[in-house]
N, C-alpha and C. Protein backbone atom coordinates (compact mmCIF):
# COMPACT_ATOMS: atom_id res chain seq x y z
N MET A 1 14.36 -5.36 11.81
CA MET A 1 15.14 -4.65 10.82
C MET A 1 14.85 -3.16 10.94
N GLU A 2 15.87 -2.38 11.12
CA GLU A 2 15.67 -0.94 11.17
C GLU A 2 15.38 -0.39 9.79
N ARG A 3 16.28 -0.61 8.88
CA ARG A 3 16.07 -0.17 7.50
C ARG A 3 15.98 -1.41 6.62
N ALA A 4 15.08 -1.37 5.68
CA ALA A 4 14.92 -2.52 4.82
C ALA A 4 14.90 -2.08 3.36
N ASN A 5 15.63 -2.79 2.56
CA ASN A 5 15.52 -2.63 1.12
C ASN A 5 15.14 -4.00 0.58
N ARG A 6 15.09 -4.14 -0.72
CA ARG A 6 14.64 -5.41 -1.26
C ARG A 6 15.61 -6.55 -0.97
N TRP A 7 16.90 -6.24 -0.85
CA TRP A 7 17.86 -7.29 -0.51
C TRP A 7 17.60 -7.83 0.88
N THR A 8 17.45 -6.93 1.85
CA THR A 8 17.24 -7.40 3.23
C THR A 8 15.88 -8.07 3.38
N LEU A 9 14.86 -7.57 2.68
CA LEU A 9 13.56 -8.23 2.74
C LEU A 9 13.62 -9.61 2.09
N ALA A 10 14.31 -9.72 0.96
CA ALA A 10 14.45 -11.02 0.30
C ALA A 10 15.17 -12.01 1.18
N GLU A 11 16.24 -11.58 1.83
CA GLU A 11 16.96 -12.48 2.74
C GLU A 11 16.09 -12.89 3.91
N ALA A 12 15.30 -11.98 4.44
CA ALA A 12 14.43 -12.31 5.56
C ALA A 12 13.34 -13.30 5.14
N LEU A 13 12.93 -13.25 3.87
CA LEU A 13 11.92 -14.17 3.36
C LEU A 13 12.51 -15.49 2.88
N GLY A 14 13.85 -15.59 2.89
CA GLY A 14 14.50 -16.82 2.49
C GLY A 14 14.83 -16.91 1.01
N HIS A 15 14.73 -15.81 0.27
CA HIS A 15 15.07 -15.80 -1.14
C HIS A 15 16.58 -15.61 -1.29
N SER A 16 17.11 -16.06 -2.42
CA SER A 16 18.55 -15.91 -2.65
C SER A 16 18.93 -14.51 -3.09
N GLY A 17 17.99 -13.74 -3.56
CA GLY A 17 18.24 -12.36 -3.99
C GLY A 17 16.92 -11.63 -4.15
N PRO A 18 16.98 -10.37 -4.52
CA PRO A 18 15.77 -9.56 -4.56
C PRO A 18 14.98 -9.67 -5.86
N ARG A 19 15.39 -10.55 -6.78
CA ARG A 19 14.76 -10.60 -8.10
C ARG A 19 13.26 -10.82 -8.02
N ARG A 20 12.81 -11.73 -7.18
CA ARG A 20 11.37 -12.00 -7.08
C ARG A 20 10.62 -10.80 -6.52
N LEU A 21 11.23 -10.06 -5.62
CA LEU A 21 10.58 -8.88 -5.06
C LEU A 21 10.62 -7.70 -6.02
N GLN A 22 11.59 -7.68 -6.92
CA GLN A 22 11.71 -6.59 -7.88
C GLN A 22 10.82 -6.81 -9.10
N HIS A 23 10.43 -8.03 -9.34
CA HIS A 23 9.68 -8.36 -10.55
C HIS A 23 8.38 -7.56 -10.65
N PHE A 24 7.58 -7.56 -9.64
CA PHE A 24 6.28 -6.89 -9.72
C PHE A 24 6.41 -5.38 -9.90
N PRO A 25 7.13 -4.67 -9.03
CA PRO A 25 7.18 -3.21 -9.22
C PRO A 25 7.86 -2.79 -10.52
N ALA A 26 8.80 -3.58 -11.00
CA ALA A 26 9.53 -3.20 -12.20
C ALA A 26 8.70 -3.42 -13.46
N ARG A 27 7.83 -4.40 -13.46
CA ARG A 27 7.11 -4.75 -14.68
C ARG A 27 5.62 -4.43 -14.63
N ALA A 28 5.15 -3.96 -13.52
CA ALA A 28 3.72 -3.66 -13.40
C ALA A 28 3.37 -2.41 -14.19
N VAL A 29 2.18 -2.41 -14.70
CA VAL A 29 1.65 -1.24 -15.39
C VAL A 29 0.75 -0.52 -14.38
N TRP A 30 1.15 0.67 -14.01
CA TRP A 30 0.43 1.41 -12.99
C TRP A 30 -0.43 2.48 -13.64
N GLY A 31 -1.66 2.55 -13.20
CA GLY A 31 -2.52 3.66 -13.58
C GLY A 31 -2.54 4.64 -12.42
N ASN A 32 -2.05 5.82 -12.64
CA ASN A 32 -1.96 6.79 -11.54
C ASN A 32 -3.32 7.06 -10.91
N ASP A 33 -4.34 7.19 -11.73
CA ASP A 33 -5.67 7.46 -11.18
C ASP A 33 -6.17 6.27 -10.35
N ALA A 34 -5.95 5.07 -10.84
CA ALA A 34 -6.39 3.89 -10.11
C ALA A 34 -5.61 3.73 -8.81
N ALA A 35 -4.32 4.02 -8.85
CA ALA A 35 -3.50 3.92 -7.64
C ALA A 35 -3.97 4.92 -6.58
N ARG A 36 -4.52 6.02 -7.01
CA ARG A 36 -5.03 7.01 -6.07
C ARG A 36 -6.46 6.68 -5.65
N ASP A 37 -7.30 6.28 -6.61
CA ASP A 37 -8.73 6.15 -6.35
C ASP A 37 -9.11 4.84 -5.64
N ARG A 38 -8.44 3.74 -5.96
CA ARG A 38 -8.84 2.46 -5.37
C ARG A 38 -8.71 2.43 -3.85
N PRO A 39 -7.58 2.87 -3.28
CA PRO A 39 -7.52 2.88 -1.81
C PRO A 39 -8.52 3.85 -1.19
N ALA A 40 -8.75 4.97 -1.85
CA ALA A 40 -9.73 5.93 -1.33
C ALA A 40 -11.12 5.33 -1.37
N ASP A 41 -11.49 4.69 -2.47
CA ASP A 41 -12.80 4.06 -2.57
C ASP A 41 -12.96 2.94 -1.55
N TRP A 42 -11.91 2.15 -1.37
CA TRP A 42 -11.97 1.06 -0.40
C TRP A 42 -12.18 1.60 1.00
N SER A 43 -11.41 2.63 1.37
CA SER A 43 -11.52 3.15 2.73
C SER A 43 -12.88 3.78 2.97
N VAL A 44 -13.42 4.48 1.99
CA VAL A 44 -14.75 5.08 2.16
C VAL A 44 -15.79 3.97 2.30
N GLY A 45 -15.68 2.94 1.49
CA GLY A 45 -16.64 1.85 1.55
C GLY A 45 -16.59 1.07 2.84
N HIS A 46 -15.41 0.89 3.41
CA HIS A 46 -15.27 0.09 4.61
C HIS A 46 -15.41 0.90 5.89
N LEU A 47 -15.16 2.18 5.81
CA LEU A 47 -15.22 3.00 7.02
C LEU A 47 -16.49 3.84 7.11
N ALA A 48 -17.33 3.80 6.09
CA ALA A 48 -18.53 4.63 6.08
C ALA A 48 -19.49 4.28 7.21
N ASN A 49 -19.53 3.03 7.61
CA ASN A 49 -20.47 2.61 8.65
C ASN A 49 -19.86 2.59 10.04
N GLU A 50 -18.64 3.03 10.15
CA GLU A 50 -17.97 3.07 11.45
C GLU A 50 -18.39 4.31 12.23
N ARG A 51 -17.81 4.45 13.41
CA ARG A 51 -18.09 5.64 14.23
C ARG A 51 -17.72 6.89 13.46
N PRO A 52 -18.39 8.00 13.75
CA PRO A 52 -18.01 9.25 13.09
C PRO A 52 -16.57 9.61 13.42
N CYS A 53 -15.89 10.14 12.45
CA CYS A 53 -14.51 10.54 12.65
C CYS A 53 -14.45 11.97 13.17
N TRP A 54 -13.30 12.35 13.70
CA TRP A 54 -13.16 13.68 14.26
C TRP A 54 -13.40 14.76 13.22
N TRP A 55 -13.05 14.46 11.93
CA TRP A 55 -13.21 15.50 10.92
C TRP A 55 -14.68 15.73 10.55
N ASP A 56 -15.56 14.76 10.91
CA ASP A 56 -16.98 14.99 10.69
C ASP A 56 -17.49 16.15 11.56
N ARG A 57 -16.88 16.33 12.71
CA ARG A 57 -17.30 17.41 13.60
C ARG A 57 -16.56 18.70 13.30
N VAL A 58 -15.38 18.61 12.68
CA VAL A 58 -14.54 19.78 12.47
C VAL A 58 -14.87 20.46 11.14
N LEU A 59 -15.00 19.67 10.10
CA LEU A 59 -15.22 20.23 8.77
C LEU A 59 -16.70 20.50 8.55
N PRO A 60 -17.02 21.57 7.84
CA PRO A 60 -18.44 21.89 7.59
C PRO A 60 -19.10 20.91 6.66
């Protein structure tokens, strides 16, 4: 699929319409801080023990 919206994704998943895919984003309660901080915390926690990144050598 070149471009996908919820209709095309729903059809590809075998759903009759996009209602099931629209349910979560439409009714979810989002915390802006959590949406920003959780992925950042996860990536720091999982990548901290990996090889040094290029920015470790570039940034002071």
